[in-house]
N, C-alpha and C. Protein backbone atom coordinates (compact mmCIF):
# COMPACT_ATOMS: atom_id res chain seq x y z
N UNK A 1 -106.11 9.22 128.15
CA UNK A 1 -107.17 9.12 129.12
C UNK A 1 -106.75 8.14 130.22
N UNK A 2 -106.90 8.54 131.45
CA UNK A 2 -106.56 7.71 132.59
C UNK A 2 -107.84 7.26 133.27
N UNK A 3 -107.91 5.99 133.56
CA UNK A 3 -109.06 5.43 134.26
C UNK A 3 -108.60 4.93 135.61
N UNK A 4 -109.30 5.32 136.65
CA UNK A 4 -108.98 4.86 137.99
C UNK A 4 -110.09 3.94 138.46
N UNK A 5 -109.71 2.77 138.96
CA UNK A 5 -110.68 1.77 139.36
C UNK A 5 -110.41 1.35 140.80
N UNK A 6 -111.46 1.25 141.59
CA UNK A 6 -111.33 0.68 142.92
C UNK A 6 -111.62 -0.79 142.82
N UNK A 7 -110.71 -1.59 143.30
CA UNK A 7 -110.85 -3.03 143.23
C UNK A 7 -111.07 -3.57 144.64
N UNK A 8 -112.30 -3.94 145.00
CA UNK A 8 -112.53 -4.45 146.35
C UNK A 8 -112.00 -5.86 146.53
N UNK A 9 -111.40 -6.10 147.68
CA UNK A 9 -110.91 -7.43 148.02
C UNK A 9 -112.13 -8.35 148.21
N UNK A 10 -112.13 -9.53 147.58
CA UNK A 10 -113.27 -10.43 147.74
C UNK A 10 -113.39 -11.00 149.16
N UNK A 11 -112.32 -10.91 149.94
CA UNK A 11 -112.35 -11.46 151.29
C UNK A 11 -112.80 -10.43 152.33
N UNK A 12 -112.22 -9.20 152.30
CA UNK A 12 -112.53 -8.22 153.35
C UNK A 12 -113.17 -6.94 152.83
N UNK A 13 -113.29 -6.79 151.49
CA UNK A 13 -113.90 -5.64 150.82
C UNK A 13 -113.07 -4.36 150.88
N UNK A 14 -111.86 -4.41 151.42
CA UNK A 14 -110.99 -3.24 151.42
C UNK A 14 -110.56 -2.94 149.98
N UNK A 15 -110.33 -1.69 149.66
CA UNK A 15 -109.90 -1.32 148.30
C UNK A 15 -108.43 -0.91 148.26
N UNK A 16 -107.72 -1.12 149.34
CA UNK A 16 -106.29 -0.80 149.37
C UNK A 16 -105.51 -2.04 148.98
N UNK A 17 -104.75 -1.93 147.91
CA UNK A 17 -103.99 -3.06 147.40
C UNK A 17 -102.49 -2.83 147.60
N UNK A 18 -101.76 -3.94 147.69
CA UNK A 18 -100.32 -3.90 147.88
C UNK A 18 -99.67 -4.43 146.60
N UNK A 19 -98.71 -3.65 146.09
CA UNK A 19 -98.01 -4.01 144.86
C UNK A 19 -96.55 -4.30 145.17
N UNK A 20 -95.93 -5.14 144.36
CA UNK A 20 -94.54 -5.53 144.57
C UNK A 20 -93.56 -4.40 144.30
N UNK A 21 -93.89 -3.49 143.39
CA UNK A 21 -92.97 -2.41 142.99
C UNK A 21 -93.79 -1.23 142.48
N UNK A 22 -93.20 -0.05 142.43
CA UNK A 22 -93.94 1.13 141.97
C UNK A 22 -94.45 1.01 140.53
N UNK A 23 -93.65 0.42 139.65
CA UNK A 23 -94.04 0.22 138.25
C UNK A 23 -94.60 -1.20 138.13
N UNK A 24 -95.91 -1.33 138.06
CA UNK A 24 -96.55 -2.64 138.08
C UNK A 24 -96.32 -3.38 136.76
N UNK A 25 -95.91 -4.63 136.88
CA UNK A 25 -95.73 -5.50 135.72
C UNK A 25 -96.88 -6.50 135.65
N UNK A 26 -97.11 -7.05 134.49
CA UNK A 26 -98.20 -8.01 134.28
C UNK A 26 -98.05 -9.26 135.15
N UNK A 27 -96.82 -9.61 135.50
CA UNK A 27 -96.57 -10.83 136.27
C UNK A 27 -96.55 -10.58 137.78
N UNK A 28 -96.67 -9.33 138.21
CA UNK A 28 -96.67 -9.02 139.64
C UNK A 28 -97.92 -9.56 140.32
N UNK A 29 -97.75 -10.08 141.53
CA UNK A 29 -98.86 -10.57 142.34
C UNK A 29 -99.43 -9.39 143.11
N UNK A 30 -100.74 -9.21 143.03
CA UNK A 30 -101.42 -8.14 143.73
C UNK A 30 -102.11 -8.75 144.96
N UNK A 31 -101.90 -8.11 146.10
CA UNK A 31 -102.54 -8.62 147.32
C UNK A 31 -103.20 -7.47 148.08
N UNK A 32 -104.14 -7.80 148.93
CA UNK A 32 -104.86 -6.82 149.72
C UNK A 32 -103.95 -6.31 150.83
N UNK A 33 -103.86 -5.00 150.98
CA UNK A 33 -103.02 -4.42 152.02
C UNK A 33 -103.63 -4.62 153.40
N UNK A 34 -104.94 -4.79 153.47
CA UNK A 34 -105.62 -4.93 154.76
C UNK A 34 -105.54 -6.35 155.32
N UNK A 35 -105.85 -7.36 154.48
CA UNK A 35 -105.91 -8.73 155.00
C UNK A 35 -104.87 -9.67 154.40
N UNK A 36 -104.17 -9.22 153.35
CA UNK A 36 -103.14 -10.05 152.73
C UNK A 36 -103.64 -11.04 151.70
N UNK A 37 -104.94 -11.03 151.39
CA UNK A 37 -105.51 -11.96 150.41
C UNK A 37 -104.85 -11.75 149.05
N UNK A 38 -104.45 -12.83 148.40
CA UNK A 38 -103.82 -12.80 147.08
C UNK A 38 -104.90 -12.70 146.01
N UNK A 39 -104.88 -11.61 145.22
CA UNK A 39 -105.88 -11.43 144.17
C UNK A 39 -105.43 -11.99 142.82
N UNK A 40 -104.18 -12.36 142.70
CA UNK A 40 -103.66 -12.91 141.45
C UNK A 40 -102.67 -11.96 140.81
N UNK A 41 -102.28 -12.29 139.59
CA UNK A 41 -101.34 -11.43 138.87
C UNK A 41 -102.07 -10.23 138.28
N UNK A 42 -101.32 -9.21 137.98
CA UNK A 42 -101.91 -8.02 137.37
C UNK A 42 -102.58 -8.38 136.05
N UNK A 43 -101.98 -9.29 135.30
CA UNK A 43 -102.56 -9.70 134.01
C UNK A 43 -103.92 -10.38 134.21
N UNK A 44 -104.04 -11.26 135.21
CA UNK A 44 -105.32 -11.95 135.43
C UNK A 44 -106.38 -10.99 135.94
N UNK A 45 -105.99 -10.04 136.78
CA UNK A 45 -106.93 -9.03 137.27
C UNK A 45 -107.40 -8.15 136.13
N UNK A 46 -106.48 -7.72 135.28
CA UNK A 46 -106.82 -6.89 134.13
C UNK A 46 -107.79 -7.62 133.19
N UNK A 47 -107.55 -8.91 132.99
CA UNK A 47 -108.43 -9.70 132.11
C UNK A 47 -109.85 -9.78 132.68
N UNK A 48 -109.96 -10.03 133.99
CA UNK A 48 -111.28 -10.10 134.62
C UNK A 48 -111.99 -8.75 134.57
N UNK A 49 -111.24 -7.67 134.77
CA UNK A 49 -111.83 -6.34 134.71
C UNK A 49 -112.32 -6.02 133.31
N UNK A 50 -111.55 -6.39 132.30
CA UNK A 50 -111.96 -6.15 130.91
C UNK A 50 -113.22 -6.92 130.56
N UNK A 51 -113.33 -8.17 131.03
CA UNK A 51 -114.54 -8.96 130.78
C UNK A 51 -115.75 -8.32 131.43
N UNK A 52 -115.59 -7.87 132.68
CA UNK A 52 -116.69 -7.22 133.39
C UNK A 52 -117.10 -5.93 132.68
N UNK A 53 -116.12 -5.17 132.20
CA UNK A 53 -116.41 -3.93 131.49
C UNK A 53 -117.18 -4.20 130.20
N UNK A 54 -116.77 -5.22 129.47
CA UNK A 54 -117.45 -5.58 128.23
C UNK A 54 -118.90 -6.00 128.50
N UNK A 55 -119.12 -6.73 129.59
CA UNK A 55 -120.49 -7.12 129.95
C UNK A 55 -121.33 -5.90 130.29
N UNK A 56 -120.75 -4.93 130.97
CA UNK A 56 -121.48 -3.71 131.30
C UNK A 56 -121.84 -2.92 130.04
N UNK A 57 -120.92 -2.88 129.08
CA UNK A 57 -121.18 -2.17 127.83
C UNK A 57 -122.30 -2.83 127.03
N UNK A 58 -122.44 -4.15 127.12
CA UNK A 58 -123.43 -4.88 126.34
C UNK A 58 -124.83 -4.81 126.97
N UNK A 59 -124.93 -4.59 128.25
CA UNK A 59 -126.24 -4.58 128.91
C UNK A 59 -127.21 -3.54 128.37
N UNK A 60 -126.81 -2.27 128.22
CA UNK A 60 -127.78 -1.30 127.68
C UNK A 60 -128.26 -1.65 126.28
N UNK A 61 -127.39 -2.20 125.46
CA UNK A 61 -127.79 -2.59 124.10
C UNK A 61 -128.82 -3.72 124.17
N UNK A 62 -128.63 -4.65 125.07
CA UNK A 62 -129.56 -5.76 125.21
C UNK A 62 -130.92 -5.27 125.67
N UNK A 63 -130.95 -4.29 126.55
CA UNK A 63 -132.22 -3.74 127.04
C UNK A 63 -132.97 -3.01 125.92
N UNK A 64 -132.26 -2.34 125.04
CA UNK A 64 -132.91 -1.61 123.95
C UNK A 64 -133.59 -2.55 122.97
N UNK A 65 -133.05 -3.77 122.83
CA UNK A 65 -133.61 -4.74 121.89
C UNK A 65 -134.92 -5.33 122.41
N UNK A 66 -135.16 -5.30 123.70
CA UNK A 66 -136.36 -5.91 124.25
C UNK A 66 -137.58 -5.11 124.01
């Protein structure tokens, strides 16, 4: 299963990102192609996305308990 995610730049809201190489590594720095803002390493971005996804998964369960 492939998941595609749009990651908006926190500075300019563009979703076009610039990668160091075609095969992304965990240590690669990801930056916005529009404004050049540094978003961090692929590993740190992946970690933040996973946390946000887990919070989204928990919200419906929390609403059912109320």
